[in-house]
C-alpha atoms as a PDB file:
ATOM      1  CA  MET A   1      35.749  29.991  54.882  1.00  0.00           C
ATOM      2  CA  LEU A   2      36.927  26.645  56.966  1.00  0.00           C
ATOM      3  CA  ARG A   3      34.620  23.932  58.284  1.00  0.00           C
ATOM      4  CA  VAL A   4      35.081  20.775  60.069  1.00  0.00           C
ATOM      5  CA  GLU A   5      32.579  17.617  60.256  1.00  0.00           C
ATOM      6  CA  HIS A   6      33.249  14.564  61.779  1.00  0.00           C
ATOM      7  CA  GLY A   7      37.087  14.824  61.305  1.00  0.00           C
ATOM      8  CA  ASN A   8      36.295  16.315  57.678  1.00  0.00           C
ATOM      9  CA  VAL A   9      38.049  19.772  56.632  1.00  0.00           C
ATOM     10  CA  PHE A  10      36.035  21.519  54.154  1.00  0.00           C
ATOM     11  CA  LEU A  11      37.473  24.826  52.255  1.00  0.00           C
ATOM     12  CA  ARG A  12      34.880  26.640  50.793  1.00  0.00           C
ATOM     13  CA  PHE A  13      35.495  29.978  49.246  1.00  0.00           C
ATOM     14  CA  CYS A  14      32.984  32.557  49.800  1.00  0.00           C
ATOM     15  CA  PHE A  15      33.530  35.791  47.510  1.00  0.00           C
ATOM     16  CA  ASN A  16      30.591  37.497  48.770  1.00  0.00           C
ATOM     17  CA  TYR A  17      31.150  37.139  52.527  1.00  0.00           C
ATOM     18  CA  ILE A  18      30.470  40.006  55.018  1.00  0.00           C
ATOM     19  CA  LYS A  19      31.939  40.793  58.398  1.00  0.00           C
ATOM     20  CA  SER A  20      29.517  42.873  59.633  1.00  0.00           C
ATOM     21  CA  ASN A  21      29.694  45.355  62.707  1.00  0.00           C
ATOM     22  CA  VAL A  22      28.016  45.286  65.403  1.00  0.00           C
ATOM     23  CA  ASP A  23      26.764  48.833  66.907  1.00  0.00           C
ATOM     24  CA  ILE A  24      27.032  48.154  70.845  1.00  0.00           C
ATOM     25  CA  THR A  25      25.396  51.525  71.295  1.00  0.00           C
ATOM     26  CA  LYS A  26      22.585  50.267  70.221  1.00  0.00           C
ATOM     27  CA  SER A  27      22.608  46.386  71.230  1.00  0.00           C
ATOM     28  CA  THR A  28      21.747  45.429  74.573  1.00  0.00           C
ATOM     29  CA  VAL A  29      21.977  41.974  76.658  1.00  0.00           C
ATOM     30  CA  TYR A  30      19.439  41.245  78.893  1.00  0.00           C
ATOM     31  CA  TRP A  31      19.725  38.896  81.960  1.00  0.00           C
ATOM     32  CA  LYS A  32      16.715  37.645  84.360  1.00  0.00           C
ATOM     33  CA  GLY A  33      17.576  35.258  87.578  1.00  0.00           C
ATOM     34  CA  ALA A  34      15.156  33.473  89.465  1.00  0.00           C
ATOM     35  CA  LYS A  35      15.445  31.962  92.770  1.00  0.00           C
ATOM     36  CA  LEU A  36      12.625  30.386  94.629  1.00  0.00           C
ATOM     37  CA  THR A  37      11.370  33.428  96.454  1.00  0.00           C
ATOM     38  CA  GLY A  38      11.472  35.824  92.945  1.00  0.00           C
ATOM     39  CA  SER A  39      13.740  37.192  90.968  1.00  0.00           C
ATOM     40  CA  HIS A  40      16.091  39.873  89.317  1.00  0.00           C
ATOM     41  CA  GLU A  41      16.339  41.468  86.153  1.00  0.00           C
ATOM     42  CA  GLY A  42      18.957  43.709  84.767  1.00  0.00           C
ATOM     43  CA  THR A  43      21.449  44.277  81.595  1.00  0.00           C
ATOM     44  CA  ILE A  44      25.247  43.862  80.888  1.00  0.00           C
ATOM     45  CA  GLU A  45      27.218  45.400  78.460  1.00  0.00           C
ATOM     46  CA  ILE A  46      28.750  44.124  75.144  1.00  0.00           C
ATOM     47  CA  LEU A  47      32.919  44.941  74.567  1.00  0.00           C
ATOM     48  CA  SER A  48      32.452  43.932  71.304  1.00  0.00           C
ATOM     49  CA  ALA A  49      30.579  41.884  68.491  1.00  0.00           C
ATOM     50  CA  HIS A  50      30.573  41.088  65.099  1.00  0.00           C
ATOM     51  CA  LEU A  51      28.393  39.159  62.737  1.00  0.00           C
ATOM     52  CA  HIS A  52      29.594  36.871  59.422  1.00  0.00           C
ATOM     53  CA  PHE A  53      27.287  36.593  56.467  1.00  0.00           C
ATOM     54  CA  ASN A  54      27.472  34.892  52.989  1.00  0.00           C
ATOM     55  CA  GLU A  55      25.494  36.510  50.035  1.00  0.00           C
ATOM     56  CA  LYS A  56      23.272  38.270  53.336  1.00  0.00           C
ATOM     57  CA  VAL A  57      22.705  34.689  54.807  1.00  0.00           C
ATOM     58  CA  PHE A  58      23.720  34.652  58.363  1.00  0.00           C
ATOM     59  CA  GLU A  59      26.794  32.326  58.804  1.00  0.00           C
ATOM     60  CA  GLY A  60      28.052  33.085  62.820  1.00  0.00           C
ATOM     61  CA  GLY A  61      29.390  35.608  64.504  1.00  0.00           C
ATOM     62  CA  GLU A  62      31.057  36.307  68.187  1.00  0.00           C
ATOM     63  CA  ILE A  63      29.866  38.894  70.436  1.00  0.00           C
ATOM     64  CA  ILE A  64      32.081  39.528  73.968  1.00  0.00           C
ATOM     65  CA  ILE A  65      30.385  40.692  76.863  1.00  0.00           C
ATOM     66  CA  ASP A  66      32.065  42.843  79.677  1.00  0.00           C
ATOM     67  CA  MET A  67      31.281  40.933  82.919  1.00  0.00           C
ATOM     68  CA  ASN A  68      32.253  43.831  85.192  1.00  0.00           C
ATOM     69  CA  SER A  69      28.910  45.473  84.277  1.00  0.00           C
ATOM     70  CA  ILE A  70      26.553  43.775  85.639  1.00  0.00           C
ATOM     71  CA  ASN A  71      23.774  45.507  86.579  1.00  0.00           C
ATOM     72  CA  CYS A  72      20.275  44.997  88.309  1.00  0.00           C
ATOM     73  CA  THR A  73      17.376  47.372  87.162  1.00  0.00           C
ATOM     74  CA  ASP A  74      14.673  45.736  89.356  1.00  0.00           C
ATOM     75  CA  LEU A  75      16.848  47.332  92.944  1.00  0.00           C
ATOM     76  CA  SER A  76      17.965  50.611  93.861  1.00  0.00           C
ATOM     77  CA  GLY A  77      20.202  51.508  96.645  1.00  0.00           C
ATOM     78  CA  ASP A  78      22.218  49.243  99.025  1.00  0.00           C
ATOM     79  CA  SER A  79      20.196  46.541  97.621  1.00  0.00           C
ATOM     80  CA  LYS A  80      21.054  47.275  94.055  1.00  0.00           C
ATOM     81  CA  LYS A  81      24.752  47.485  95.204  1.00  0.00           C
ATOM     82  CA  ASN A  82      24.927  44.291  97.193  1.00  0.00           C
ATOM     83  CA  ILE A  83      23.436  41.875  94.448  1.00  0.00           C
ATOM     84  CA  GLU A  84      25.613  43.372  91.635  1.00  0.00           C
ATOM     85  CA  ALA A  85      28.668  42.930  94.003  1.00  0.00           C
ATOM     86  CA  HIS A  86      27.655  39.553  94.704  1.00  0.00           C
ATOM     87  CA  LEU A  87      27.349  38.674  90.993  1.00  0.00           C
ATOM     88  CA  LYS A  88      30.442  39.859  90.279  1.00  0.00           C
ATOM     89  CA  ASP A  89      31.838  38.033  93.238  1.00  0.00           C
ATOM     90  CA  GLU A  90      33.789  34.664  92.987  1.00  0.00           C
ATOM     91  CA  ASP A  91      30.346  32.758  94.185  1.00  0.00           C
ATOM     92  CA  PHE A  92      28.788  33.617  90.572  1.00  0.00           C
ATOM     93  CA  PHE A  93      30.748  34.914  87.876  1.00  0.00           C
ATOM     94  CA  PHE A  94      33.944  36.362  89.552  1.00  0.00           C
ATOM     95  CA  SER A  95      34.821  39.007  87.243  1.00  0.00           C
ATOM     96  CA  GLU A  96      37.842  40.113  88.672  1.00  0.00           C
ATOM     97  CA  GLU A  97      39.462  36.759  87.425  1.00  0.00           C
ATOM     98  CA  TYR A  98      37.152  36.452  84.535  1.00  0.00           C
ATOM     99  CA  PRO A  99      36.361  39.884  83.505  1.00  0.00           C
ATOM    100  CA  ILE A 100      34.995  38.615  79.748  1.00  0.00           C
ATOM    101  CA  SER A 101      32.574  36.136  78.425  1.00  0.00           C
ATOM    102  CA  LYS A 102      31.989  35.227  74.808  1.00  0.00           C
ATOM    103  CA  LEU A 103      29.409  34.011  72.666  1.00  0.00           C
ATOM    104  CA  VAL A 104      31.180  32.386  69.197  1.00  0.00           C
ATOM    105  CA  MET A 105      28.286  30.976  66.756  1.00  0.00           C
ATOM    106  CA  GLY A 106      29.604  29.129  63.671  1.00  0.00           C
ATOM    107  CA  ASN A 107      27.343  26.516  61.773  1.00  0.00           C
ATOM    108  CA  ALA A 108      24.303  28.266  61.130  1.00  0.00           C
ATOM    109  CA  LYS A 109      21.228  27.006  59.697  1.00  0.00           C
ATOM    110  CA  LYS A 110      18.649  28.994  57.760  1.00  0.00           C
ATOM    111  CA  ILE A 111      15.202  27.402  58.918  1.00  0.00           C
ATOM    112  CA  ASP A 112      13.009  30.103  58.181  1.00  0.00           C
ATOM    113  CA  ILE A 113      12.610  33.084  56.328  1.00  0.00           C
ATOM    114  CA  ASN A 114      14.088  35.163  59.538  1.00  0.00           C
ATOM    115  CA  THR A 115      15.052  32.489  61.607  1.00  0.00           C
ATOM    116  CA  TYR A 116      18.396  30.430  62.060  1.00  0.00           C
ATOM    117  CA  GLU A 117      19.129  26.904  64.137  1.00  0.00           C
ATOM    118  CA  VAL A 118      22.698  28.221  65.337  1.00  0.00           C
ATOM    119  CA  GLU A 119      25.398  26.333  67.411  1.00  0.00           C
ATOM    120  CA  GLY A 120      28.226  27.616  69.061  1.00  0.00           C
ATOM    121  CA  ASP A 121      30.252  27.705  72.186  1.00  0.00           C
ATOM    122  CA  MET A 122      29.655  30.139  75.198  1.00  0.00           C
ATOM    123  CA  THR A 123      32.380  30.835  77.446  1.00  0.00           C
ATOM    124  CA  ILE A 124      31.929  32.143  80.992  1.00  0.00           C
ATOM    125  CA  ARG A 125      34.206  32.217  83.492  1.00  0.00           C
ATOM    126  CA  GLY A 126      36.794  30.271  81.720  1.00  0.00           C
ATOM    127  CA  VAL A 127      34.521  27.147  81.191  1.00  0.00           C
ATOM    128  CA  THR A 128      33.452  26.579  77.138  1.00  0.00           C
ATOM    129  CA  ASN A 129      30.455  24.868  76.474  1.00  0.00           C
ATOM    130  CA  ALA A 130      28.778  24.124  73.255  1.00  0.00           C
ATOM    131  CA  ILE A 131      25.648  25.502  72.829  1.00  0.00           C
ATOM    132  CA  LYS A 132      22.501  25.322  70.526  1.00  0.00           C
ATOM    133  CA  PHE A 133      19.809  28.063  70.264  1.00  0.00           C
ATOM    134  CA  LYS A 134      17.455  29.697  67.389  1.00  0.00           C
ATOM    135  CA  ALA A 135      17.922  33.390  66.273  1.00  0.00           C
ATOM    136  CA  LYS A 136      15.884  35.698  64.302  1.00  0.00           C
ATOM    137  CA  ILE A 137      17.764  38.096  62.481  1.00  0.00           C
ATOM    138  CA  ASN A 138      16.458  40.553  59.397  1.00  0.00           C
ATOM    139  CA  ASP A 139      17.145  43.905  58.571  1.00  0.00           C
ATOM    140  CA  GLY A 140      20.208  44.889  60.857  1.00  0.00           C
ATOM    141  CA  LYS A 141      18.429  43.247  63.956  1.00  0.00           C
ATOM    142  CA  ALA A 142      19.397  39.751  65.035  1.00  0.00           C
ATOM    143  CA  ARG A 143      17.767  38.792  68.269  1.00  0.00           C
ATOM    144  CA  VAL A 144      18.689  35.747  70.591  1.00  0.00           C
ATOM    145  CA  LYS A 145      16.609  34.078  73.819  1.00  0.00           C
ATOM    146  CA  LEU A 146      18.958  32.105  75.963  1.00  0.00           C
ATOM    147  CA  LYS A 147      18.461  29.654  78.610  1.00  0.00           C
ATOM    148  CA  ILE A 148      22.266  29.073  80.422  1.00  0.00           C
ATOM    149  CA  ASP A 149      22.274  26.413  83.332  1.00  0.00           C
ATOM    150  CA  ARG A 150      24.808  28.321  85.367  1.00  0.00           C
ATOM    151  CA  THR A 151      26.384  25.122  86.721  1.00  0.00           C
ATOM    152  CA  LYS A 152      28.061  23.894  83.638  1.00  0.00           C
ATOM    153  CA  TYR A 153      30.237  26.815  84.166  1.00  0.00           C
ATOM    154  CA  GLY A 154      31.244  26.512  87.802  1.00  0.00           C
ATOM    155  CA  VAL A 155      28.637  28.861  89.245  1.00  0.00           C
ATOM    156  CA  LYS A 156      27.333  26.599  91.970  1.00  0.00           C
ATOM    157  CA  TYR A 157      26.266  29.172  94.450  1.00  0.00           C
ATOM    158  CA  ALA A 158      22.819  28.075  96.281  1.00  0.00           C
ATOM    159  CA  SER A 159      22.160  25.396  93.836  1.00  0.00           C
ATOM    160  CA  LYS A 160      19.706  22.434  94.466  1.00  0.00           C
ATOM    161  CA  SER A 161      21.638  20.431  92.127  1.00  0.00           C
ATOM    162  CA  PHE A 162      24.939  20.736  94.667  1.00  0.00           C
ATOM    163  CA  PHE A 163      23.438  21.964  98.038  1.00  0.00           C
ATOM    164  CA  LYS A 164      20.729  19.769  98.939  1.00  0.00           C
ATOM    165  CA  ASN A 165      19.977  21.479 102.322  1.00  0.00           C
ATOM    166  CA  VAL A 166      19.424  25.029 100.898  1.00  0.00           C
ATOM    167  CA  GLY A 167      15.886  25.558 101.463  1.00  0.00           C
ATOM    168  CA  ASP A 168      14.518  29.092 100.413  1.00  0.00           C
ATOM    169  CA  LYS A 169      17.637  30.281  99.549  1.00  0.00           C
ATOM    170  CA  MET A 170      17.601  28.099  96.479  1.00  0.00           C
ATOM    171  CA  ILE A 171      18.542  29.546  93.248  1.00  0.00           C
ATOM    172  CA  TYR A 172      17.419  28.229  90.287  1.00  0.00           C
ATOM    173  CA  ASP A 173      20.289  26.577  88.102  1.00  0.00           C
ATOM    174  CA  ASP A 174      19.161  28.325  84.381  1.00  0.00           C
ATOM    175  CA  PHE A 175      19.123  32.196  83.989  1.00  0.00           C
ATOM    176  CA  ASP A 176      17.621  33.753  81.155  1.00  0.00           C
ATOM    177  CA  LEU A 177      19.787  36.267  78.247  1.00  0.00           C
ATOM    178  CA  GLU A 178      17.892  38.214  75.553  1.00  0.00           C
ATOM    179  CA  VAL A 179      20.436  39.501  72.976  1.00  0.00           C
ATOM    180  CA  ASN A 180      19.214  42.092  70.575  1.00  0.00           C
ATOM    181  CA  LEU A 181      21.873  43.370  68.222  1.00  0.00           C
ATOM    182  CA  SER A 182      21.921  46.064  65.857  1.00  0.00           C
ATOM    183  CA  TYR A 183      24.341  45.210  62.586  1.00  0.00           C
ATOM    184  CA  SER A 184      24.785  47.049  59.376  1.00  0.00           C
ATOM    185  CA  LEU A 185      26.010  44.727  56.132  1.00  0.00           C
END
């Protein structure tokens, strides 16, 4: 295991290192975005994922998301089709140009019996930013709740931070993701 801190490189030998496979058929990603006049929510599919453990202690991993699978679950018919198309459009996640988003988890610190403080990198629309969050990991299940500022990834549509006269069409900069992974060691 290679780790870099403050410009120094550390090599650690991990004799009980395990790369677990995540069962993407039993794993979910839920999203929720809010605007001044309401909110929308849905799911998005995981293309692949794995978690890293050393002596059953979580150390990191990677989740790759299919941005073309954005699904709105609170609407139906034409309204559903329209919002899904708009979220995939250049105004939002531009999934034709950027078909995947990725969360790479690195520095994980156990802070409680099943809770870890995790540092990593989130990539959306080809833009990567550092991210820090807490993860609950226990007995084949991992759960993470994230609040993502979309504007840090170039998603500025109807953001009051960039468009002062957007009025009641304003969409909040932050959106929520809840990731639930099922894995085996």
